[in-house]
Amino acid sequence: MKNMGLGEDYILRARRRLKAIDTLFAEKGWADVVRESQEAVELALKGLLRRCNVEPPRIHDVSDVLRDNASRLPRPVAVALDEICEISRDLRRDRELAFYGSEDLTPSDFYREKDASQARRKARRVIELVTAAGE
């Protein structure tokens, strides 16, 4: 890893996405809230890994990498690691479906306010933990 500023950039961009998520929520774009929440969590966690000198893999859920490197994580993150990994896995599961849908599922019809509210809350929680761990 040569670009040490990249991790901080990922985290900054994840924090900015929270504003976009709030806008999508206000517009009742439930599927888009779910998708953007996953992307925000992914960016924040990859930024965290870079902060800890771990090259993040090019996959959407880095839970296993976080667990493998738990000893390198800042204490506030390590204490909440199970919760963080569960959030990452949960949001990853909906990533493509929320964006593309499928032949038998239209994202705008499938996702509801409750789904969006949960995804937004989860994204905010992970980003707060990652941000606090770097302060």
C-alpha atoms as a PDB file:
ATOM      1  CA  MET A   1       0.000   0.000   0.000  1.00  0.00           C
ATOM      2  CA  LYS A   2       1.569   3.192  -1.153  1.00  0.00           C
ATOM      3  CA  ASN A   3      -1.286   5.670  -0.971  1.00  0.00           C
ATOM      4  CA  MET A   4      -1.871   6.062   2.758  1.00  0.00           C
ATOM      5  CA  GLY A   5      -4.373   8.887   2.210  1.00  0.00           C
ATOM      6  CA  LEU A   6      -6.690   6.566   0.358  1.00  0.00           C
ATOM      7  CA  GLY A   7      -8.145   5.107   3.566  1.00  0.00           C
ATOM      8  CA  GLU A   8      -9.053   8.538   4.891  1.00  0.00           C
ATOM      9  CA  ASP A   9     -10.572   9.407   1.520  1.00  0.00           C
ATOM     10  CA  TYR A  10     -12.765   6.298   1.644  1.00  0.00           C
ATOM     11  CA  ILE A  11     -14.017   7.220   5.102  1.00  0.00           C
ATOM     12  CA  LEU A  12     -14.662  10.837   4.129  1.00  0.00           C
ATOM     13  CA  ARG A  13     -16.622   9.702   1.083  1.00  0.00           C
ATOM     14  CA  ALA A  14     -18.606   7.234   3.203  1.00  0.00           C
ATOM     15  CA  ARG A  15     -19.532  10.084   5.557  1.00  0.00           C
ATOM     16  CA  ARG A  16     -20.631  12.218   2.615  1.00  0.00           C
ATOM     17  CA  ARG A  17     -22.838   9.399   1.379  1.00  0.00           C
ATOM     18  CA  LEU A  18     -24.873   9.654   4.577  1.00  0.00           C
ATOM     19  CA  LYS A  19     -26.198  12.982   3.294  1.00  0.00           C
ATOM     20  CA  ALA A  20     -27.104  11.401  -0.037  1.00  0.00           C
ATOM     21  CA  ILE A  21     -28.820   8.567   1.827  1.00  0.00           C
ATOM     22  CA  ASP A  22     -30.857  11.083   3.822  1.00  0.00           C
ATOM     23  CA  THR A  23     -31.891  12.806   0.593  1.00  0.00           C
ATOM     24  CA  LEU A  24     -32.922   9.506  -0.988  1.00  0.00           C
ATOM     25  CA  PHE A  25     -34.852   8.659   2.160  1.00  0.00           C
ATOM     26  CA  ALA A  26     -36.697  12.000   2.039  1.00  0.00           C
ATOM     27  CA  GLU A  27     -37.593  11.223  -1.578  1.00  0.00           C
ATOM     28  CA  LYS A  28     -38.888   7.778  -0.534  1.00  0.00           C
ATOM     29  CA  GLY A  29     -36.322   6.013  -2.685  1.00  0.00           C
ATOM     30  CA  TRP A  30     -36.274   2.981  -0.411  1.00  0.00           C
ATOM     31  CA  ALA A  31     -34.326   0.665  -2.736  1.00  0.00           C
ATOM     32  CA  ASP A  32     -31.750   3.379  -3.381  1.00  0.00           C
ATOM     33  CA  VAL A  33     -31.317   3.960   0.345  1.00  0.00           C
ATOM     34  CA  VAL A  34     -30.566   0.266   0.807  1.00  0.00           C
ATOM     35  CA  ARG A  35     -28.056   0.224  -2.053  1.00  0.00           C
ATOM     36  CA  GLU A  36     -26.281   3.441  -1.027  1.00  0.00           C
ATOM     37  CA  SER A  37     -26.146   2.316   2.589  1.00  0.00           C
ATOM     38  CA  GLN A  38     -24.284  -0.811   1.517  1.00  0.00           C
ATOM     39  CA  GLU A  39     -21.825   1.227  -0.536  1.00  0.00           C
ATOM     40  CA  ALA A  40     -21.217   3.621   2.350  1.00  0.00           C
ATOM     41  CA  VAL A  41     -20.509   0.731   4.730  1.00  0.00           C
ATOM     42  CA  GLU A  42     -18.204  -0.905   2.199  1.00  0.00           C
ATOM     43  CA  LEU A  43     -16.207   2.306   1.732  1.00  0.00           C
ATOM     44  CA  ALA A  44     -15.954   2.949   5.467  1.00  0.00           C
ATOM     45  CA  LEU A  45     -14.753  -0.573   6.223  1.00  0.00           C
ATOM     46  CA  LYS A  46     -12.230  -0.579   3.401  1.00  0.00           C
ATOM     47  CA  GLY A  47     -10.985   2.773   4.665  1.00  0.00           C
ATOM     48  CA  LEU A  48     -10.661   1.285   8.140  1.00  0.00           C
ATOM     49  CA  LEU A  49      -8.640  -1.632   6.808  1.00  0.00           C
ATOM     50  CA  ARG A  50      -6.309   0.724   4.974  1.00  0.00           C
ATOM     51  CA  ARG A  51      -5.882   2.764   8.172  1.00  0.00           C
ATOM     52  CA  CYS A  52      -4.766  -0.483   9.818  1.00  0.00           C
ATOM     53  CA  ASN A  53      -2.297  -1.238   6.992  1.00  0.00           C
ATOM     54  CA  VAL A  54      -4.411  -4.035   5.564  1.00  0.00           C
ATOM     55  CA  GLU A  55      -4.989  -4.044   1.821  1.00  0.00           C
ATOM     56  CA  PRO A  56      -8.751  -4.450   1.361  1.00  0.00           C
ATOM     57  CA  PRO A  57      -9.842  -7.080  -1.131  1.00  0.00           C
ATOM     58  CA  ARG A  58     -11.977  -6.171  -4.121  1.00  0.00           C
ATOM     59  CA  ILE A  59     -15.118  -7.710  -2.709  1.00  0.00           C
ATOM     60  CA  HIS A  60     -18.210  -6.038  -1.282  1.00  0.00           C
ATOM     61  CA  ASP A  61     -18.280  -7.648   2.172  1.00  0.00           C
ATOM     62  CA  VAL A  62     -14.959  -7.492   4.021  1.00  0.00           C
ATOM     63  CA  SER A  63     -16.223  -9.144   7.232  1.00  0.00           C
ATOM     64  CA  ASP A  64     -13.839 -12.084   7.008  1.00  0.00           C
ATOM     65  CA  VAL A  65     -10.862  -9.777   6.463  1.00  0.00           C
ATOM     66  CA  LEU A  66     -11.887  -7.678   9.464  1.00  0.00           C
ATOM     67  CA  ARG A  67     -12.119 -10.806  11.611  1.00  0.00           C
ATOM     68  CA  ASP A  68      -8.767 -12.095  10.340  1.00  0.00           C
ATOM     69  CA  ASN A  69      -7.187  -8.783  11.338  1.00  0.00           C
ATOM     70  CA  ALA A  70      -9.106  -8.120  14.558  1.00  0.00           C
ATOM     71  CA  SER A  71      -5.904  -7.589  16.540  1.00  0.00           C
ATOM     72  CA  ARG A  72      -4.976  -4.674  14.278  1.00  0.00           C
ATOM     73  CA  LEU A  73      -8.294  -2.865  14.650  1.00  0.00           C
ATOM     74  CA  PRO A  74      -8.798   0.089  16.999  1.00  0.00           C
ATOM     75  CA  ARG A  75     -10.486  -0.880  20.254  1.00  0.00           C
ATOM     76  CA  PRO A  76     -13.882   0.796  19.578  1.00  0.00           C
ATOM     77  CA  VAL A  77     -14.157  -1.174  16.349  1.00  0.00           C
ATOM     78  CA  ALA A  78     -12.843  -4.430  17.796  1.00  0.00           C
ATOM     79  CA  VAL A  79     -15.416  -4.280  20.606  1.00  0.00           C
ATOM     80  CA  ALA A  80     -18.228  -3.896  18.050  1.00  0.00           C
ATOM     81  CA  LEU A  81     -16.748  -6.275  15.472  1.00  0.00           C
ATOM     82  CA  ASP A  82     -19.574  -8.819  15.544  1.00  0.00           C
ATOM     83  CA  GLU A  83     -22.151  -6.082  15.007  1.00  0.00           C
ATOM     84  CA  ILE A  84     -20.113  -4.468  12.209  1.00  0.00           C
ATOM     85  CA  CYS A  85     -19.629  -7.773  10.397  1.00  0.00           C
ATOM     86  CA  GLU A  86     -23.312  -8.618  10.668  1.00  0.00           C
ATOM     87  CA  ILE A  87     -24.234  -5.232   9.199  1.00  0.00           C
ATOM     88  CA  SER A  88     -21.780  -5.626   6.336  1.00  0.00           C
ATOM     89  CA  ARG A  89     -23.074  -9.104   5.503  1.00  0.00           C
ATOM     90  CA  ASP A  90     -26.727  -8.076   5.752  1.00  0.00           C
ATOM     91  CA  LEU A  91     -26.335  -5.086   3.463  1.00  0.00           C
ATOM     92  CA  ARG A  92     -24.189  -7.055   1.012  1.00  0.00           C
ATOM     93  CA  ARG A  93     -26.983  -9.538   0.565  1.00  0.00           C
ATOM     94  CA  ASP A  94     -29.278  -6.800  -0.787  1.00  0.00           C
ATOM     95  CA  ARG A  95     -26.682  -4.951  -2.884  1.00  0.00           C
ATOM     96  CA  GLU A  96     -27.549  -6.196  -6.374  1.00  0.00           C
ATOM     97  CA  LEU A  97     -31.208  -6.835  -5.709  1.00  0.00           C
ATOM     98  CA  ALA A  98     -31.771  -3.261  -4.501  1.00  0.00           C
ATOM     99  CA  PHE A  99     -30.044  -1.887  -7.593  1.00  0.00           C
ATOM    100  CA  TYR A 100     -30.992  -4.189 -10.457  1.00  0.00           C
ATOM    101  CA  GLY A 101     -33.932  -6.205  -9.190  1.00  0.00           C
ATOM    102  CA  SER A 102     -34.746  -9.408 -11.031  1.00  0.00           C
ATOM    103  CA  GLU A 103     -37.330 -10.776 -13.412  1.00  0.00           C
ATOM    104  CA  ASP A 104     -39.704 -11.377 -10.532  1.00  0.00           C
ATOM    105  CA  LEU A 105     -38.770  -8.380  -8.363  1.00  0.00           C
ATOM    106  CA  THR A 106     -38.848  -4.641  -9.032  1.00  0.00           C
ATOM    107  CA  PRO A 107     -36.738  -2.830  -6.413  1.00  0.00           C
ATOM    108  CA  SER A 108     -39.043   0.179  -6.063  1.00  0.00           C
ATOM    109  CA  ASP A 109     -41.984  -2.118  -5.376  1.00  0.00           C
ATOM    110  CA  PHE A 110     -40.131  -4.548  -3.127  1.00  0.00           C
ATOM    111  CA  TYR A 111     -38.268  -2.329  -0.654  1.00  0.00           C
ATOM    112  CA  ARG A 112     -40.248  -0.471   1.981  1.00  0.00           C
ATOM    113  CA  GLU A 113     -39.599   2.399   4.356  1.00  0.00           C
ATOM    114  CA  LYS A 114     -38.749  -0.073   7.132  1.00  0.00           C
ATOM    115  CA  ASP A 115     -36.003  -1.640   4.975  1.00  0.00           C
ATOM    116  CA  ALA A 116     -34.583   1.764   4.132  1.00  0.00           C
ATOM    117  CA  SER A 117     -34.746   2.959   7.719  1.00  0.00           C
ATOM    118  CA  GLN A 118     -32.861  -0.105   8.947  1.00  0.00           C
ATOM    119  CA  ALA A 119     -30.211   0.168   6.224  1.00  0.00           C
ATOM    120  CA  ARG A 120     -29.687   3.877   6.892  1.00  0.00           C
ATOM    121  CA  ARG A 121     -29.386   3.260  10.645  1.00  0.00           C
ATOM    122  CA  LYS A 122     -26.855   0.473  10.053  1.00  0.00           C
ATOM    123  CA  ALA A 123     -24.762   2.610   7.722  1.00  0.00           C
ATOM    124  CA  ARG A 124     -24.744   5.474  10.200  1.00  0.00           C
ATOM    125  CA  ARG A 125     -23.694   3.127  13.014  1.00  0.00           C
ATOM    126  CA  VAL A 126     -20.734   1.657  11.111  1.00  0.00           C
ATOM    127  CA  ILE A 127     -19.535   5.038   9.878  1.00  0.00           C
ATOM    128  CA  GLU A 128     -19.776   6.527  13.383  1.00  0.00           C
ATOM    129  CA  LEU A 129     -17.710   3.649  14.800  1.00  0.00           C
ATOM    130  CA  VAL A 130     -15.065   3.904  12.079  1.00  0.00           C
ATOM    131  CA  THR A 131     -14.882   7.689  12.358  1.00  0.00           C
ATOM    132  CA  ALA A 132     -14.611   7.633  16.146  1.00  0.00           C
ATOM    133  CA  ALA A 133     -11.866   5.006  15.968  1.00  0.00           C
ATOM    134  CA  GLY A 134      -9.722   7.373  13.909  1.00  0.00           C
ATOM    135  CA  GLU A 135     -10.076  10.383  16.193  1.00  0.00           C
END
